[in-house]
C-alpha atoms as a PDB file:
ATOM      1  CA  MET A   1     106.828  96.319  88.771  1.00  0.00           C
ATOM      2  CA  ILE A   2     110.191  97.214  87.713  1.00  0.00           C
ATOM      3  CA  THR A   3     112.125  99.061  90.140  1.00  0.00           C
ATOM      4  CA  ASN A   4     114.256 102.059  89.446  1.00  0.00           C
ATOM      5  CA  GLU A   5     117.649  99.995  89.646  1.00  0.00           C
ATOM      6  CA  GLU A   6     115.944  97.436  87.032  1.00  0.00           C
ATOM      7  CA  LYS A   7     114.862 100.631  84.815  1.00  0.00           C
ATOM      8  CA  ARG A   8     118.533 101.678  84.853  1.00  0.00           C
ATOM      9  CA  LYS A   9     119.935  98.643  84.249  1.00  0.00           C
ATOM     10  CA  LEU A  10     117.301  98.279  81.247  1.00  0.00           C
ATOM     11  CA  VAL A  11     118.152 101.581  79.901  1.00  0.00           C
ATOM     12  CA  PHE A  12     122.080 100.804  79.908  1.00  0.00           C
ATOM     13  CA  LYS A  13     121.028  97.359  78.083  1.00  0.00           C
ATOM     14  CA  VAL A  14     119.223  98.938  75.033  1.00  0.00           C
ATOM     15  CA  VAL A  15     121.963 101.813  74.454  1.00  0.00           C
ATOM     16  CA  THR A  16     124.679  99.402  74.304  1.00  0.00           C
ATOM     17  CA  THR A  17     122.884  96.950  72.209  1.00  0.00           C
ATOM     18  CA  ILE A  18     121.715  99.916  69.632  1.00  0.00           C
ATOM     19  CA  LEU A  19     125.524 101.122  69.904  1.00  0.00           C
ATOM     20  CA  ALA A  20     127.329  97.470  69.340  1.00  0.00           C
ATOM     21  CA  THR A  21     124.624  97.229  66.852  1.00  0.00           C
ATOM     22  CA  LEU A  22     125.244 100.692  64.947  1.00  0.00           C
ATOM     23  CA  LEU A  23     128.811  99.742  64.969  1.00  0.00           C
ATOM     24  CA  PRO A  24     129.215  97.159  62.334  1.00  0.00           C
ATOM     25  CA  LEU A  25     126.209  98.820  60.208  1.00  0.00           C
ATOM     26  CA  SER A  26     128.035 101.932  60.170  1.00  0.00           C
ATOM     27  CA  ALA A  27     131.149 100.227  58.734  1.00  0.00           C
ATOM     28  CA  LEU A  28     129.120  98.285  56.300  1.00  0.00           C
ATOM     29  CA  ARG A  29     127.315 101.521  54.937  1.00  0.00           C
ATOM     30  CA  VAL A  30     130.491 102.841  54.540  1.00  0.00           C
ATOM     31  CA  LEU A  31     131.676 100.440  52.238  1.00  0.00           C
ATOM     32  CA  LEU A  32     128.837  99.847  50.034  1.00  0.00           C
ATOM     33  CA  ILE A  33     128.562 103.583  49.451  1.00  0.00           C
ATOM     34  CA  HIS A  34     131.764 104.791  49.468  1.00  0.00           C
ATOM     35  CA  GLY A  35     133.937 101.511  48.289  1.00  0.00           C
ATOM     36  CA  ASN A  36     136.859 101.953  51.256  1.00  0.00           C
ATOM     37  CA  LEU A  37     136.342 102.620  55.046  1.00  0.00           C
ATOM     38  CA  THR A  38     138.340 105.542  56.161  1.00  0.00           C
ATOM     39  CA  PHE A  39     138.510 106.635  59.849  1.00  0.00           C
ATOM     40  CA  MET A  40     136.688 109.805  59.274  1.00  0.00           C
ATOM     41  CA  LEU A  41     134.100 108.508  56.433  1.00  0.00           C
ATOM     42  CA  PHE A  42     133.353 106.079  59.408  1.00  0.00           C
ATOM     43  CA  ILE A  43     133.034 108.211  62.262  1.00  0.00           C
ATOM     44  CA  LYS A  44     130.665 110.351  60.003  1.00  0.00           C
ATOM     45  CA  GLU A  45     128.257 107.297  59.240  1.00  0.00           C
ATOM     46  CA  MET A  46     128.856 106.893  62.844  1.00  0.00           C
ATOM     47  CA  LEU A  47     127.261 109.920  64.275  1.00  0.00           C
ATOM     48  CA  PHE A  48     124.728 109.963  61.532  1.00  0.00           C
ATOM     49  CA  SER A  49     123.394 106.600  62.885  1.00  0.00           C
ATOM     50  CA  ILE A  50     123.762 107.212  66.140  1.00  0.00           C
ATOM     51  CA  VAL A  51     121.501 110.580  65.867  1.00  0.00           C
ATOM     52  CA  PHE A  52     119.153 109.058  63.248  1.00  0.00           C
ATOM     53  CA  GLY A  53     118.732 106.043  66.225  1.00  0.00           C
ATOM     54  CA  PHE A  54     118.212 108.459  68.939  1.00  0.00           C
ATOM     55  CA  ILE A  55     115.526 109.990  66.963  1.00  0.00           C
ATOM     56  CA  VAL A  56     113.945 106.499  66.400  1.00  0.00           C
ATOM     57  CA  VAL A  57     114.154 105.477  69.876  1.00  0.00           C
ATOM     58  CA  LEU A  58     112.895 109.186  71.067  1.00  0.00           C
ATOM     59  CA  ILE A  59     109.657 108.790  68.436  1.00  0.00           C
ATOM     60  CA  LEU A  60     109.332 105.312  69.666  1.00  0.00           C
ATOM     61  CA  TYR A  61     109.604 106.161  73.652  1.00  0.00           C
ATOM     62  CA  MET A  62     106.655 109.260  73.094  1.00  0.00           C
ATOM     63  CA  THR A  63     104.296 107.199  70.955  1.00  0.00           C
ATOM     64  CA  THR A  64     104.412 104.258  73.700  1.00  0.00           C
ATOM     65  CA  LYS A  65     104.697 106.306  76.954  1.00  0.00           C
ATOM     66  CA  LYS A  66     101.014 106.194  77.666  1.00  0.00           C
ATOM     67  CA  GLU A  67     100.752 102.385  76.914  1.00  0.00           C
ATOM     68  CA  ILE A  68     103.995 101.376  78.931  1.00  0.00           C
ATOM     69  CA  LYS A  69     102.516 103.567  82.113  1.00  0.00           C
ATOM     70  CA  GLU A  70      99.161 101.760  81.597  1.00  0.00           C
ATOM     71  CA  ILE A  71     100.820  98.425  81.489  1.00  0.00           C
ATOM     72  CA  ASN A  72     103.181  99.602  84.449  1.00  0.00           C
ATOM     73  CA  SER A  73     100.030 100.242  86.383  1.00  0.00           C
ATOM     74  CA  LYS A  74      98.376  96.997  85.503  1.00  0.00           C
ATOM     75  CA  ALA A  75     101.382  95.345  86.713  1.00  0.00           C
ATOM     76  CA  ARG A  76     101.330  97.070  89.991  1.00  0.00           C
ATOM     77  CA  ASN A  77      97.596  96.013  90.467  1.00  0.00           C
ATOM     78  CA  TYR A  78      98.163  92.511  89.917  1.00  0.00           C
ATOM     79  CA  ALA A  79     101.613  92.293  92.111  1.00  0.00           C
ATOM     80  CA  PHE A  80      99.891  94.517  95.041  1.00  0.00           C
ATOM     81  CA  ARG A  81      96.058  93.767  95.193  1.00  0.00           C
ATOM     82  CA  ASP A  82      94.314  91.343  96.330  1.00  0.00           C
ATOM     83  CA  ALA A  83      92.002  89.379  93.347  1.00  0.00           C
ATOM     84  CA  LEU A  84      89.092  88.392  95.624  1.00  0.00           C
ATOM     85  CA  THR A  85      88.392  91.676  97.655  1.00  0.00           C
ATOM     86  CA  GLY A  86      90.653  94.511  95.503  1.00  0.00           C
ATOM     87  CA  LEU A  87      92.626  95.070  98.841  1.00  0.00           C
ATOM     88  CA  TYR A  88      95.918  95.534  99.187  1.00  0.00           C
ATOM     89  CA  ASN A  89      97.684  92.046  99.659  1.00  0.00           C
ATOM     90  CA  ARG A  90     100.629  90.475 101.748  1.00  0.00           C
ATOM     91  CA  HIS A  91     102.984  91.461  98.811  1.00  0.00           C
ATOM     92  CA  TYR A  92     102.241  95.211  99.061  1.00  0.00           C
ATOM     93  CA  LEU A  93     101.966  94.939 102.850  1.00  0.00           C
ATOM     94  CA  ASN A  94     105.554  93.542 103.128  1.00  0.00           C
ATOM     95  CA  ASP A  95     107.194  96.502 100.652  1.00  0.00           C
ATOM     96  CA  PHE A  96     105.083  99.049 102.911  1.00  0.00           C
ATOM     97  CA  LEU A  97     106.982  97.482 106.103  1.00  0.00           C
ATOM     98  CA  ALA A  98     110.392  97.965 104.042  1.00  0.00           C
ATOM     99  CA  LYS A  99     109.881 101.459 103.438  1.00  0.00           C
ATOM    100  CA  PHE A 100     107.887 102.564 106.742  1.00  0.00           C
ATOM    101  CA  LYS A 101     110.603 103.781 108.973  1.00  0.00           C
ATOM    102  CA  ARG A 102     111.955 106.309 105.760  1.00  0.00           C
ATOM    103  CA  LEU A 103     108.200 107.194 105.161  1.00  0.00           C
ATOM    104  CA  HIS A 104     107.026 107.861 108.685  1.00  0.00           C
ATOM    105  CA  LYS A 105     108.920 110.842 109.520  1.00  0.00           C
ATOM    106  CA  LYS A 106     106.506 112.190 112.247  1.00  0.00           C
ATOM    107  CA  GLU A 107     106.984 111.975 115.932  1.00  0.00           C
ATOM    108  CA  SER A 108     103.213 110.581 116.271  1.00  0.00           C
ATOM    109  CA  ILE A 109     102.089 107.444 117.597  1.00  0.00           C
ATOM    110  CA  PHE A 110     100.978 104.896 114.717  1.00  0.00           C
ATOM    111  CA  ALA A 111      98.840 101.748 115.561  1.00  0.00           C
ATOM    112  CA  VAL A 112      98.977  98.230 114.065  1.00  0.00           C
ATOM    113  CA  ALA A 113      95.170  96.120 113.634  1.00  0.00           C
ATOM    114  CA  PHE A 114      95.159  93.020 113.501  1.00  0.00           C
ATOM    115  CA  ILE A 115      91.304  91.453 112.264  1.00  0.00           C
ATOM    116  CA  ASP A 116      90.146  88.050 112.189  1.00  0.00           C
ATOM    117  CA  ILE A 117      86.480  86.753 111.082  1.00  0.00           C
ATOM    118  CA  ASP A 118      85.617  84.933 114.053  1.00  0.00           C
ATOM    119  CA  LYS A 119      84.657  80.768 113.565  1.00  0.00           C
ATOM    120  CA  PHE A 120      85.254  81.397 109.735  1.00  0.00           C
ATOM    121  CA  LYS A 121      86.349  77.654 109.160  1.00  0.00           C
ATOM    122  CA  GLU A 122      82.724  77.029 110.645  1.00  0.00           C
ATOM    123  CA  ILE A 123      81.173  79.238 107.967  1.00  0.00           C
ATOM    124  CA  ASN A 124      83.047  77.786 104.832  1.00  0.00           C
ATOM    125  CA  ASP A 125      82.077  74.175 105.919  1.00  0.00           C
ATOM    126  CA  THR A 126      78.327  75.012 106.793  1.00  0.00           C
ATOM    127  CA  LEU A 127      77.367  77.248 104.056  1.00  0.00           C
ATOM    128  CA  GLY A 128      80.308  76.747 101.494  1.00  0.00           C
ATOM    129  CA  HIS A 129      82.988  78.373 100.025  1.00  0.00           C
ATOM    130  CA  GLU A 130      81.068  80.948  97.554  1.00  0.00           C
ATOM    131  CA  ALA A 131      79.750  82.380 100.894  1.00  0.00           C
ATOM    132  CA  GLY A 132      83.075  82.570 102.606  1.00  0.00           C
ATOM    133  CA  ASP A 133      84.351  84.821  99.703  1.00  0.00           C
ATOM    134  CA  CYS A 134      80.724  86.438  99.691  1.00  0.00           C
ATOM    135  CA  ILE A 135      81.699  87.426 103.349  1.00  0.00           C
ATOM    136  CA  LEU A 136      85.326  88.014 102.391  1.00  0.00           C
ATOM    137  CA  ARG A 137      84.167  90.830  99.960  1.00  0.00           C
ATOM    138  CA  CYS A 138      81.628  92.723 102.277  1.00  0.00           C
ATOM    139  CA  LEU A 139      83.822  92.787 104.984  1.00  0.00           C
ATOM    140  CA  ALA A 140      86.626  94.273 102.786  1.00  0.00           C
ATOM    141  CA  LEU A 141      83.858  96.885 101.526  1.00  0.00           C
ATOM    142  CA  LYS A 142      82.651  97.508 105.323  1.00  0.00           C
ATOM    143  CA  LEU A 143      86.535  97.947 106.436  1.00  0.00           C
ATOM    144  CA  LYS A 144      87.383  99.917 103.641  1.00  0.00           C
ATOM    145  CA  SER A 145      84.252 102.557 104.403  1.00  0.00           C
ATOM    146  CA  LEU A 146      85.363 102.833 108.097  1.00  0.00           C
ATOM    147  CA  THR A 147      89.142 103.905 107.194  1.00  0.00           C
ATOM    148  CA  ARG A 148      90.807 107.056 106.141  1.00  0.00           C
ATOM    149  CA  SER A 149      92.465 107.239 102.824  1.00  0.00           C
ATOM    150  CA  THR A 150      95.578 107.723 104.512  1.00  0.00           C
ATOM    151  CA  ASP A 151      95.492 104.136 106.542  1.00  0.00           C
ATOM    152  CA  ILE A 152      97.033 100.964 104.879  1.00  0.00           C
ATOM    153  CA  LEU A 153      93.923  98.936 104.844  1.00  0.00           C
ATOM    154  CA  CYS A 154      95.260  95.007 103.894  1.00  0.00           C
ATOM    155  CA  ARG A 155      94.119  91.213 103.178  1.00  0.00           C
ATOM    156  CA  TYR A 156      96.999  89.835 105.217  1.00  0.00           C
ATOM    157  CA  GLY A 157      95.970  86.361 104.108  1.00  0.00           C
ATOM    158  CA  GLY A 158      92.631  83.847 104.391  1.00  0.00           C
ATOM    159  CA  GLU A 159      90.368  85.366 106.553  1.00  0.00           C
ATOM    160  CA  GLU A 160      92.459  88.010 108.111  1.00  0.00           C
ATOM    161  CA  PHE A 161      92.990  91.611 107.468  1.00  0.00           C
ATOM    162  CA  VAL A 162      95.837  94.465 108.938  1.00  0.00           C
ATOM    163  CA  ILE A 163      95.364  97.774 109.071  1.00  0.00           C
ATOM    164  CA  ILE A 164      98.174 100.598 109.921  1.00  0.00           C
ATOM    165  CA  TYR A 165      97.231 103.774 111.286  1.00  0.00           C
ATOM    166  CA  ASN A 166      99.279 107.048 111.509  1.00  0.00           C
ATOM    167  CA  ASP A 167      99.199 110.006 113.457  1.00  0.00           C
ATOM    168  CA  THR A 168      96.810 108.869 116.074  1.00  0.00           C
ATOM    169  CA  SER A 169      96.240 107.956 120.320  1.00  0.00           C
ATOM    170  CA  LYS A 170      95.960 104.913 122.350  1.00  0.00           C
ATOM    171  CA  LYS A 171      92.368 106.332 123.330  1.00  0.00           C
ATOM    172  CA  GLU A 172      91.382 107.150 119.422  1.00  0.00           C
ATOM    173  CA  MET A 173      92.132 103.959 118.381  1.00  0.00           C
ATOM    174  CA  PHE A 174      90.517 101.557 120.781  1.00  0.00           C
ATOM    175  CA  GLU A 175      87.846 103.230 120.609  1.00  0.00           C
ATOM    176  CA  LYS A 176      87.744 103.157 116.497  1.00  0.00           C
ATOM    177  CA  MET A 177      88.205  99.567 116.881  1.00  0.00           C
ATOM    178  CA  GLU A 178      85.300  99.046 119.110  1.00  0.00           C
ATOM    179  CA  GLN A 179      83.037 100.724 116.581  1.00  0.00           C
ATOM    180  CA  ILE A 180      84.690  98.769 113.675  1.00  0.00           C
ATOM    181  CA  ARG A 181      83.877  95.572 115.769  1.00  0.00           C
ATOM    182  CA  GLU A 182      79.901  96.546 116.552  1.00  0.00           C
ATOM    183  CA  SER A 183      79.459  98.088 112.868  1.00  0.00           C
ATOM    184  CA  ILE A 184      80.266  94.550 111.762  1.00  0.00           C
ATOM    185  CA  GLN A 185      78.565  92.599 114.477  1.00  0.00           C
ATOM    186  CA  ASN A 186      75.573  95.052 113.215  1.00  0.00           C
ATOM    187  CA  SER A 187      75.794  94.570 109.713  1.00  0.00           C
ATOM    188  CA  SER A 188      73.661  92.155 107.785  1.00  0.00           C
ATOM    189  CA  PHE A 189      75.890  90.721 104.688  1.00  0.00           C
ATOM    190  CA  GLU A 190      73.735  89.706 101.889  1.00  0.00           C
ATOM    191  CA  CYS A 191      75.921  86.395 101.901  1.00  0.00           C
ATOM    192  CA  GLU A 192      73.307  83.389 102.967  1.00  0.00           C
ATOM    193  CA  HIS A 193      71.906  86.230 105.481  1.00  0.00           C
ATOM    194  CA  THR A 194      74.861  85.791 107.670  1.00  0.00           C
ATOM    195  CA  ASN A 195      75.982  88.178 110.818  1.00  0.00           C
ATOM    196  CA  ILE A 196      79.432  87.533 111.524  1.00  0.00           C
ATOM    197  CA  THR A 197      81.829  88.951 114.251  1.00  0.00           C
ATOM    198  CA  ILE A 198      85.328  89.905 114.317  1.00  0.00           C
ATOM    199  CA  SER A 199      88.143  89.580 116.814  1.00  0.00           C
ATOM    200  CA  ILE A 200      90.924  92.518 116.870  1.00  0.00           C
ATOM    201  CA  GLY A 201      94.245  92.695 118.287  1.00  0.00           C
ATOM    202  CA  LEU A 202      95.906  96.326 118.582  1.00  0.00           C
ATOM    203  CA  SER A 203      99.332  97.387 119.541  1.00  0.00           C
ATOM    204  CA  PHE A 204     101.130 100.851 119.099  1.00  0.00           C
ATOM    205  CA  GLY A 205     104.341 102.242 118.111  1.00  0.00           C
ATOM    206  CA  LYS A 206     106.519 105.190 118.002  1.00  0.00           C
ATOM    207  CA  LYS A 207     109.176 105.970 114.907  1.00  0.00           C
ATOM    208  CA  GLU A 208     111.812 104.457 116.236  1.00  0.00           C
ATOM    209  CA  ASP A 209     109.974 101.217 116.939  1.00  0.00           C
ATOM    210  CA  ASP A 210     110.464  98.480 114.317  1.00  0.00           C
ATOM    211  CA  ILE A 211     106.946  98.261 112.673  1.00  0.00           C
ATOM    212  CA  ASN A 212     107.575  94.514 112.173  1.00  0.00           C
ATOM    213  CA  GLU A 213     107.559  94.107 115.829  1.00  0.00           C
ATOM    214  CA  ILE A 214     104.519  95.907 116.395  1.00  0.00           C
ATOM    215  CA  LEU A 215     102.447  93.506 113.863  1.00  0.00           C
ATOM    216  CA  GLN A 216     103.900  90.737 115.851  1.00  0.00           C
ATOM    217  CA  GLU A 217     102.461  92.435 119.243  1.00  0.00           C
ATOM    218  CA  ALA A 218      98.935  92.880 117.206  1.00  0.00           C
ATOM    219  CA  ASP A 219      98.998  89.180 116.353  1.00  0.00           C
ATOM    220  CA  LYS A 220      99.896  88.216 120.133  1.00  0.00           C
ATOM    221  CA  ALA A 221      96.932  90.835 121.112  1.00  0.00           C
ATOM    222  CA  LEU A 222      94.657  89.027 118.557  1.00  0.00           C
ATOM    223  CA  TYR A 223      95.109  85.668 119.567  1.00  0.00           C
ATOM    224  CA  MET A 224      94.080  87.169 123.308  1.00  0.00           C
ATOM    225  CA  ALA A 225      90.792  88.259 121.871  1.00  0.00           C
ATOM    226  CA  LYS A 226      90.418  85.046 120.618  1.00  0.00           C
ATOM    227  CA  ASN A 227      90.910  83.452 123.963  1.00  0.00           C
ATOM    228  CA  ALA A 228      89.022  86.060 125.491  1.00  0.00           C
ATOM    229  CA  GLY A 229      86.072  84.355 123.854  1.00  0.00           C
ATOM    230  CA  ARG A 230      86.213  86.440 120.417  1.00  0.00           C
ATOM    231  CA  ASN A 231      84.089  89.488 119.382  1.00  0.00           C
ATOM    232  CA  CYS A 232      86.197  91.811 121.403  1.00  0.00           C
ATOM    233  CA  VAL A 233      89.321  94.400 120.798  1.00  0.00           C
ATOM    234  CA  LYS A 234      92.630  93.455 123.052  1.00  0.00           C
ATOM    235  CA  ILE A 235      95.733  95.558 123.212  1.00  0.00           C
ATOM    236  CA  PHE A 236      99.056  94.392 123.466  1.00  0.00           C
ATOM    237  CA  LEU A 237     100.610  95.578 126.868  1.00  0.00           C
ATOM    238  CA  LYS A 238     104.338  96.143 126.825  1.00  0.00           C
END
């Protein structure tokens, strides 16, 4: 991924490189054609070379613009997408968290849900990693079907997932988490015919709150759910 600052530096480097190349070439062209180097001839040749170089660069940019966008889009997917599940990855989450306060302008409540597959290590040890990968893919698809397009769904790492909800309420979100938990419990994934359960930790914040702290609170709530016997939803109480 190329940031705007990196783009500006790249453009500046290209322009200075072109000018540094045109200066001696213009002087050489004047000497070869006219036999002597005068200031006016050099300036005329330099202006001609700059205009010609600008036209060439513009044509090159216009003919490769589509390909550059496609390459940038692919680079973004490689950087921000989890290869196994196709969901956003932790790198994307970190980028989103850094921008969250600027993006979240509403005075509404936001929520962070930490989701973990119960006893996933046992599944891997018993059925093998191929079945484990199948479960992760199926769960990712299920979670995606149960979230809105405005929600941020990420694979945090291993068997852990994070969902960030904007513009919600505590009551609505707890009911939503219970719906997700029950839906997963009642689903039959075609992965060695395995049924799984999940534990969910939930925490809430407002615009002025640090979302990184809310994320940590959701993680603590997840451990509360694990300690409560798994397959349940726990809310971090401040």
